[in-house]
Amino acid sequence: MTLIPMPTESSETIAQWGSETFGNAASVKAYAIRAQEELAELIEAIESGDTDKAIASEAADITILLHRITGTLGLELYDAVDEKMAVNKRREWVPDGSGVGRHQ
Protein backbone atom coordinates (compact mmCIF):
# COMPACT_ATOMS: atom_id res chain seq x y z
CA MET A 1 0.00 0.00 0.00
CA THR A 2 1.36 3.40 -1.01
CA LEU A 3 0.95 6.13 1.57
CA ILE A 4 -0.16 9.44 0.15
CA PRO A 5 1.22 12.41 2.07
CA MET A 6 -1.33 14.75 3.58
CA PRO A 7 -1.55 18.10 1.84
CA THR A 8 -0.06 21.05 3.68
CA GLU A 9 -2.92 23.29 2.57
CA SER A 10 -6.64 22.98 3.21
CA SER A 11 -9.67 24.78 1.87
CA GLU A 12 -9.63 26.87 5.03
CA THR A 13 -5.98 27.96 4.68
CA ILE A 14 -6.35 28.65 0.97
CA ALA A 15 -9.53 30.67 1.49
CA GLN A 16 -7.80 32.61 4.27
CA TRP A 17 -4.78 33.33 2.03
CA GLY A 18 -7.09 34.43 -0.78
CA SER A 19 -9.00 36.78 1.50
CA GLU A 20 -5.80 38.26 2.88
CA THR A 21 -4.26 38.62 -0.58
CA PHE A 22 -7.21 39.70 -2.72
CA GLY A 23 -10.03 40.50 -0.29
CA ASN A 24 -13.36 38.73 -0.13
CA ALA A 25 -15.53 38.33 -3.19
CA ALA A 26 -19.13 39.50 -3.01
CA SER A 27 -20.13 35.93 -3.91
CA VAL A 28 -18.40 32.59 -4.43
CA LYS A 29 -19.62 32.93 -8.02
CA ALA A 30 -16.66 35.26 -8.62
CA TYR A 31 -14.30 32.40 -7.75
CA ALA A 32 -16.18 30.06 -10.09
CA ILE A 33 -15.96 32.56 -12.94
CA ARG A 34 -12.23 32.98 -12.34
CA ALA A 35 -11.86 29.17 -12.27
CA GLN A 36 -13.58 29.06 -15.66
CA GLU A 37 -10.97 31.51 -16.99
CA GLU A 38 -8.21 29.34 -15.53
CA LEU A 39 -9.79 26.27 -17.17
CA ALA A 40 -9.46 28.00 -20.53
CA GLU A 41 -5.77 28.59 -19.74
CA LEU A 42 -5.38 24.90 -18.88
CA ILE A 43 -6.92 23.85 -22.19
CA GLU A 44 -4.67 26.30 -24.01
CA ALA A 45 -1.60 24.87 -22.25
CA ILE A 46 -2.59 21.34 -23.25
CA GLU A 47 -3.33 22.30 -26.85
CA SER A 48 -0.07 24.21 -27.22
CA GLY A 49 1.98 21.29 -25.94
CA ASP A 50 3.23 22.96 -22.77
CA THR A 51 5.31 20.89 -20.37
CA ASP A 52 3.58 18.54 -17.97
CA LYS A 53 4.70 20.81 -15.12
CA ALA A 54 3.13 23.88 -16.77
CA ILE A 55 -0.11 21.96 -17.36
CA ALA A 56 -0.14 20.82 -13.73
CA SER A 57 0.40 24.42 -12.63
CA GLU A 58 -2.67 25.52 -14.58
CA ALA A 59 -4.65 22.66 -13.02
CA ALA A 60 -3.45 23.84 -9.60
CA ASP A 61 -4.80 27.33 -10.28
CA ILE A 62 -8.25 25.84 -10.82
CA THR A 63 -7.97 23.69 -7.72
CA ILE A 64 -6.95 26.70 -5.62
CA LEU A 65 -10.08 28.53 -6.73
CA LEU A 66 -12.22 25.48 -5.93
CA HIS A 67 -10.65 25.45 -2.45
CA ARG A 68 -11.52 29.14 -2.10
CA ILE A 69 -15.15 28.32 -2.89
CA THR A 70 -15.43 25.47 -0.41
CA GLY A 71 -13.31 27.20 2.23
CA THR A 72 -15.47 30.32 2.02
CA LEU A 73 -18.51 28.12 2.55
CA GLY A 74 -16.87 26.57 5.62
CA LEU A 75 -16.37 23.23 3.88
CA GLU A 76 -13.34 21.16 2.85
CA LEU A 77 -12.85 20.31 -0.82
CA TYR A 78 -11.07 17.03 -0.01
CA ASP A 79 -14.13 15.90 1.99
CA ALA A 80 -16.47 16.90 -0.83
CA VAL A 81 -14.36 14.90 -3.30
CA ASP A 82 -14.44 11.82 -1.07
CA GLU A 83 -18.22 12.12 -0.68
CA LYS A 84 -18.74 12.61 -4.42
CA MET A 85 -16.47 9.67 -5.30
CA ALA A 86 -18.55 7.45 -3.02
CA VAL A 87 -21.63 8.53 -5.02
CA ASN A 88 -19.83 8.08 -8.35
CA LYS A 89 -18.69 4.56 -7.47
CA ARG A 90 -22.34 3.53 -6.94
CA ARG A 91 -23.53 4.98 -10.27
CA GLU A 92 -23.90 3.26 -13.61
CA TRP A 93 -21.58 4.86 -16.17
CA VAL A 94 -21.63 4.93 -19.96
CA PRO A 95 -18.13 5.39 -21.44
CA ASP A 96 -18.06 7.45 -24.63
CA GLY A 97 -14.82 6.03 -26.02
CA SER A 98 -12.75 9.13 -25.29
CA GLY A 99 -11.71 8.20 -21.76
CA VAL A 100 -14.70 9.94 -20.17
CA GLY A 101 -18.42 9.31 -20.11
CA ARG A 102 -21.70 10.10 -18.40
CA HIS A 103 -23.71 8.52 -15.65
CA GLN A 104 -27.17 7.14 -16.28
C-alpha atoms as a PDB file:
ATOM      1  CA  MET A   1       0.000   0.000   0.000  1.00  0.00           C
ATOM      2  CA  THR A   2       1.362   3.395  -1.006  1.00  0.00           C
ATOM      3  CA  LEU A   3       0.951   6.127   1.567  1.00  0.00           C
ATOM      4  CA  ILE A   4      -0.162   9.442   0.154  1.00  0.00           C
ATOM      5  CA  PRO A   5       1.219  12.405   2.069  1.00  0.00           C
ATOM      6  CA  MET A   6      -1.334  14.750   3.583  1.00  0.00           C
ATOM      7  CA  PRO A   7      -1.547  18.097   1.836  1.00  0.00           C
ATOM      8  CA  THR A   8      -0.064  21.051   3.677  1.00  0.00           C
ATOM      9  CA  GLU A   9      -2.923  23.288   2.574  1.00  0.00           C
ATOM     10  CA  SER A  10      -6.641  22.978   3.209  1.00  0.00           C
ATOM     11  CA  SER A  11      -9.674  24.776   1.873  1.00  0.00           C
ATOM     12  CA  GLU A  12      -9.631  26.869   5.035  1.00  0.00           C
ATOM     13  CA  THR A  13      -5.984  27.960   4.684  1.00  0.00           C
ATOM     14  CA  ILE A  14      -6.346  28.647   0.966  1.00  0.00           C
ATOM     15  CA  ALA A  15      -9.535  30.673   1.494  1.00  0.00           C
ATOM     16  CA  GLN A  16      -7.803  32.613   4.267  1.00  0.00           C
ATOM     17  CA  TRP A  17      -4.783  33.326   2.029  1.00  0.00           C
ATOM     18  CA  GLY A  18      -7.095  34.432  -0.779  1.00  0.00           C
ATOM     19  CA  SER A  19      -9.005  36.781   1.499  1.00  0.00           C
ATOM     20  CA  GLU A  20      -5.797  38.265   2.884  1.00  0.00           C
ATOM     21  CA  THR A  21      -4.257  38.624  -0.575  1.00  0.00           C
ATOM     22  CA  PHE A  22      -7.210  39.698  -2.719  1.00  0.00           C
ATOM     23  CA  GLY A  23     -10.028  40.503  -0.291  1.00  0.00           C
ATOM     24  CA  ASN A  24     -13.359  38.735  -0.128  1.00  0.00           C
ATOM     25  CA  ALA A  25     -15.534  38.330  -3.193  1.00  0.00           C
ATOM     26  CA  ALA A  26     -19.126  39.498  -3.010  1.00  0.00           C
ATOM     27  CA  SER A  27     -20.133  35.928  -3.910  1.00  0.00           C
ATOM     28  CA  VAL A  28     -18.399  32.586  -4.430  1.00  0.00           C
ATOM     29  CA  LYS A  29     -19.621  32.926  -8.015  1.00  0.00           C
ATOM     30  CA  ALA A  30     -16.658  35.265  -8.616  1.00  0.00           C
ATOM     31  CA  TYR A  31     -14.299  32.400  -7.750  1.00  0.00           C
ATOM     32  CA  ALA A  32     -16.178  30.057 -10.089  1.00  0.00           C
ATOM     33  CA  ILE A  33     -15.961  32.560 -12.941  1.00  0.00           C
ATOM     34  CA  ARG A  34     -12.234  32.981 -12.344  1.00  0.00           C
ATOM     35  CA  ALA A  35     -11.861  29.169 -12.270  1.00  0.00           C
ATOM     36  CA  GLN A  36     -13.584  29.061 -15.657  1.00  0.00           C
ATOM     37  CA  GLU A  37     -10.972  31.506 -16.993  1.00  0.00           C
ATOM     38  CA  GLU A  38      -8.212  29.337 -15.533  1.00  0.00           C
ATOM     39  CA  LEU A  39      -9.792  26.268 -17.167  1.00  0.00           C
ATOM     40  CA  ALA A  40      -9.458  27.998 -20.532  1.00  0.00           C
ATOM     41  CA  GLU A  41      -5.767  28.590 -19.741  1.00  0.00           C
ATOM     42  CA  LEU A  42      -5.381  24.897 -18.879  1.00  0.00           C
ATOM     43  CA  ILE A  43      -6.923  23.852 -22.189  1.00  0.00           C
ATOM     44  CA  GLU A  44      -4.671  26.296 -24.014  1.00  0.00           C
ATOM     45  CA  ALA A  45      -1.599  24.869 -22.251  1.00  0.00           C
ATOM     46  CA  ILE A  46      -2.590  21.337 -23.250  1.00  0.00           C
ATOM     47  CA  GLU A  47      -3.334  22.303 -26.847  1.00  0.00           C
ATOM     48  CA  SER A  48      -0.074  24.215 -27.224  1.00  0.00           C
ATOM     49  CA  GLY A  49       1.983  21.287 -25.941  1.00  0.00           C
ATOM     50  CA  ASP A  50       3.235  22.958 -22.773  1.00  0.00           C
ATOM     51  CA  THR A  51       5.310  20.890 -20.374  1.00  0.00           C
ATOM     52  CA  ASP A  52       3.585  18.542 -17.966  1.00  0.00           C
ATOM     53  CA  LYS A  53       4.696  20.806 -15.119  1.00  0.00           C
ATOM     54  CA  ALA A  54       3.125  23.876 -16.772  1.00  0.00           C
ATOM     55  CA  ILE A  55      -0.107  21.961 -17.361  1.00  0.00           C
ATOM     56  CA  ALA A  56      -0.142  20.819 -13.726  1.00  0.00           C
ATOM     57  CA  SER A  57       0.402  24.418 -12.626  1.00  0.00           C
ATOM     58  CA  GLU A  58      -2.668  25.520 -14.580  1.00  0.00           C
ATOM     59  CA  ALA A  59      -4.654  22.663 -13.020  1.00  0.00           C
ATOM     60  CA  ALA A  60      -3.451  23.837  -9.596  1.00  0.00           C
ATOM     61  CA  ASP A  61      -4.802  27.334 -10.282  1.00  0.00           C
ATOM     62  CA  ILE A  62      -8.253  25.838 -10.821  1.00  0.00           C
ATOM     63  CA  THR A  63      -7.967  23.692  -7.716  1.00  0.00           C
ATOM     64  CA  ILE A  64      -6.953  26.704  -5.622  1.00  0.00           C
ATOM     65  CA  LEU A  65     -10.083  28.526  -6.726  1.00  0.00           C
ATOM     66  CA  LEU A  66     -12.220  25.477  -5.927  1.00  0.00           C
ATOM     67  CA  HIS A  67     -10.652  25.450  -2.452  1.00  0.00           C
ATOM     68  CA  ARG A  68     -11.524  29.141  -2.098  1.00  0.00           C
ATOM     69  CA  ILE A  69     -15.148  28.316  -2.891  1.00  0.00           C
ATOM     70  CA  THR A  70     -15.429  25.467  -0.408  1.00  0.00           C
ATOM     71  CA  GLY A  71     -13.315  27.204   2.233  1.00  0.00           C
ATOM     72  CA  THR A  72     -15.468  30.324   2.020  1.00  0.00           C
ATOM     73  CA  LEU A  73     -18.512  28.115   2.553  1.00  0.00           C
ATOM     74  CA  GLY A  74     -16.873  26.569   5.621  1.00  0.00           C
ATOM     75  CA  LEU A  75     -16.369  23.231   3.878  1.00  0.00           C
ATOM     76  CA  GLU A  76     -13.342  21.162   2.849  1.00  0.00           C
ATOM     77  CA  LEU A  77     -12.851  20.310  -0.823  1.00  0.00           C
ATOM     78  CA  TYR A  78     -11.073  17.028  -0.015  1.00  0.00           C
ATOM     79  CA  ASP A  79     -14.131  15.897   1.991  1.00  0.00           C
ATOM     80  CA  ALA A  80     -16.466  16.900  -0.832  1.00  0.00           C
ATOM     81  CA  VAL A  81     -14.355  14.901  -3.303  1.00  0.00           C
ATOM     82  CA  ASP A  82     -14.443  11.821  -1.070  1.00  0.00           C
ATOM     83  CA  GLU A  83     -18.219  12.116  -0.682  1.00  0.00           C
ATOM     84  CA  LYS A  84     -18.739  12.612  -4.419  1.00  0.00           C
ATOM     85  CA  MET A  85     -16.469   9.673  -5.301  1.00  0.00           C
ATOM     86  CA  ALA A  86     -18.548   7.451  -3.019  1.00  0.00           C
ATOM     87  CA  VAL A  87     -21.629   8.526  -5.024  1.00  0.00           C
ATOM     88  CA  ASN A  88     -19.828   8.080  -8.352  1.00  0.00           C
ATOM     89  CA  LYS A  89     -18.694   4.561  -7.467  1.00  0.00           C
ATOM     90  CA  ARG A  90     -22.343   3.533  -6.944  1.00  0.00           C
ATOM     91  CA  ARG A  91     -23.531   4.977 -10.274  1.00  0.00           C
ATOM     92  CA  GLU A  92     -23.899   3.263 -13.611  1.00  0.00           C
ATOM     93  CA  TRP A  93     -21.576   4.860 -16.171  1.00  0.00           C
ATOM     94  CA  VAL A  94     -21.631   4.928 -19.964  1.00  0.00           C
ATOM     95  CA  PRO A  95     -18.135   5.390 -21.436  1.00  0.00           C
ATOM     96  CA  ASP A  96     -18.055   7.455 -24.625  1.00  0.00           C
ATOM     97  CA  GLY A  97     -14.818   6.029 -26.018  1.00  0.00           C
ATOM     98  CA  SER A  98     -12.755   9.131 -25.294  1.00  0.00           C
ATOM     99  CA  GLY A  99     -11.712   8.199 -21.761  1.00  0.00           C
ATOM    100  CA  VAL A 100     -14.696   9.939 -20.167  1.00  0.00           C
ATOM    101  CA  GLY A 101     -18.425   9.309 -20.108  1.00  0.00           C
ATOM    102  CA  ARG A 102     -21.698  10.103 -18.400  1.00  0.00           C
ATOM    103  CA  HIS A 103     -23.712   8.518 -15.646  1.00  0.00           C
ATOM    104  CA  GLN A 104     -27.167   7.143 -16.281  1.00  0.00           C
END
